[in-house]
Protein backbone atom coordinates (compact mmCIF):
# COMPACT_ATOMS: atom_id res chain seq x y z
CA MET A 1 9.06 -15.82 -48.02
CA ILE A 2 6.64 -14.56 -45.25
CA ASP A 3 3.60 -12.99 -46.31
CA GLN A 4 2.47 -9.72 -44.59
CA ASP A 5 -0.31 -11.51 -42.26
CA GLU A 6 2.37 -13.92 -40.98
CA GLN A 7 4.56 -10.99 -40.47
CA GLU A 8 2.12 -9.27 -38.17
CA LEU A 9 1.43 -12.29 -35.94
CA LEU A 10 5.08 -12.54 -35.27
CA VAL A 11 5.21 -8.86 -34.51
CA ASP A 12 1.97 -9.54 -31.98
CA LYS A 13 3.39 -12.56 -30.48
CA ASP A 14 6.90 -10.75 -29.68
CA LYS A 15 4.76 -7.51 -28.51
CA LEU A 16 2.60 -10.29 -26.32
CA ALA A 17 5.81 -11.89 -24.86
CA ARG A 18 7.42 -8.64 -23.86
CA GLN A 19 4.19 -7.88 -22.15
CA LYS A 20 3.77 -10.90 -20.23
CA GLN A 21 7.79 -10.43 -19.31
CA GLU A 22 7.20 -6.72 -18.03
CA GLN A 23 3.98 -8.33 -15.93
CA ALA A 24 5.97 -10.68 -14.16
CA ILE A 25 8.74 -8.25 -13.46
CA ALA A 26 6.24 -5.89 -12.12
CA TYR A 27 4.81 -8.45 -10.26
CA ALA A 28 7.96 -9.82 -8.83
CA GLU A 29 8.80 -5.94 -8.02
CA HIS A 30 5.60 -5.83 -5.79
CA GLN A 31 6.00 -8.90 -3.92
CA LYS A 32 9.58 -7.52 -3.05
CA PHE A 33 7.96 -4.37 -2.02
CA LEU A 34 5.52 -6.04 0.18
CA ASP A 35 8.03 -8.38 1.55
CA ASP A 36 9.86 -5.41 2.77
CA TRP A 37 6.81 -4.15 4.74
CA ARG A 38 6.45 -7.75 6.05
CA THR A 39 9.75 -8.12 7.21
CA GLY A 40 10.83 -4.59 7.58
CA VAL A 41 8.29 -3.20 9.30
CA LEU A 42 4.94 -5.26 10.32
CA ASP A 43 7.20 -8.24 11.82
CA SER A 44 8.17 -6.13 14.73
CA PRO A 45 6.21 -4.49 17.59
CA ALA A 46 8.04 -1.70 17.21
CA GLY A 47 7.56 -0.90 13.59
CA ARG A 48 3.81 -1.52 13.91
CA ARG A 49 3.73 1.18 16.72
CA ILE A 50 5.49 3.46 14.36
CA VAL A 51 3.23 2.96 11.27
CA TRP A 52 0.12 3.40 13.51
CA ASP A 53 1.52 6.49 14.84
CA ILE A 54 2.19 7.87 11.52
CA ILE A 55 -1.67 6.50 10.43
CA GLY A 56 -2.61 8.38 13.53
CA LEU A 57 -0.54 12.02 12.49
CA LEU A 58 -2.20 11.57 9.29
CA GLY A 59 -5.77 11.74 10.47
CA TYR A 60 -6.64 8.06 9.92
CA GLN A 61 -10.35 8.83 11.32
CA LYS A 62 -10.40 12.70 11.03
CA LYS A 63 -12.83 14.52 9.26
CA MET A 64 -11.98 15.53 5.81
CA PHE A 65 -14.46 18.04 4.95
CA SER A 66 -14.44 21.81 5.57
CA SER A 67 -16.06 24.78 4.36
CA ASP A 68 -12.28 26.14 3.60
CA PRO A 69 -11.71 24.49 -0.14
CA LEU A 70 -7.94 24.64 0.76
CA ILE A 71 -8.07 22.96 4.08
CA MET A 72 -10.19 20.46 2.50
CA ALA A 73 -7.91 19.67 -0.09
CA GLY A 74 -4.80 19.40 2.57
CA ASN A 75 -7.10 17.03 4.79
CA CYS A 76 -8.00 14.90 1.57
CA SER A 77 -4.33 14.73 0.43
CA THR A 78 -3.52 13.56 3.76
CA HIS A 79 -5.99 11.03 3.89
CA ASP A 80 -5.40 9.80 0.77
CA VAL A 81 -1.42 9.22 1.64
CA CYS A 82 -3.13 7.34 4.70
CA MET A 83 -5.43 5.13 3.19
CA THR A 84 -2.01 4.24 0.53
CA ILE A 85 -0.01 3.08 3.73
CA ILE A 86 -2.98 0.87 5.12
CA LYS A 87 -3.71 -0.28 1.65
CA HIS A 88 0.06 -1.51 1.69
CA ILE A 89 -0.31 -2.74 4.98
CA GLU A 90 -3.48 -4.92 4.33
CA GLU A 91 -2.11 -6.47 1.24
CA ALA A 92 1.37 -7.00 2.71
CA GLN A 93 -0.45 -8.72 5.81
CA PRO A 94 -4.61 -9.07 5.68
CA GLY A 95 -5.56 -8.38 9.31
CA ILE A 96 -2.40 -6.63 10.75
CA LEU A 97 -4.54 -3.24 11.09
CA PHE A 98 -6.69 -4.89 13.67
CA ARG A 99 -3.76 -6.13 15.32
CA MET A 100 -1.99 -2.72 15.64
CA GLN A 101 -5.31 -1.36 17.06
CA ASN A 102 -5.31 -3.68 19.43
CA GLU A 103 -1.88 -3.25 20.23
CA PHE A 104 -2.39 0.24 20.53
CA ARG A 105 -5.50 0.16 23.00
CA SER A 106 -3.37 -2.41 25.02
CA ALA A 107 -0.78 0.02 25.46
CA GLN A 108 -3.02 3.00 26.30
CA ALA A 109 -4.94 0.88 29.05
CA ASN A 110 -1.51 -0.03 30.50
CA ARG A 111 -0.31 3.40 30.45
CA GLU A 112 -3.56 4.59 32.49
CA LYS A 113 -3.20 2.02 34.70
């Protein structure tokens, strides 16, 4: 017969095994998400252009602060969305943001010619 301490130990082992399994599933799902960013968006010049445009529209380098609290709240929320996108981009492909910026500048310079 199993005493109470042994039973608690078995329950703890089961709980730990379930937590490890859940973490492994979450990690695999996150890696798939990053692979989607890499292959679905960042590997193509068109995908990088679209994401760069979205970041620009969200106001990546725009001031967040305002004397009007509602305007500032809106600015902060769009900036937060922008930073979340940037975080995903950099996690999926480190250094790609710099490449996207250079591609944008090159395209701008070509249009000005």
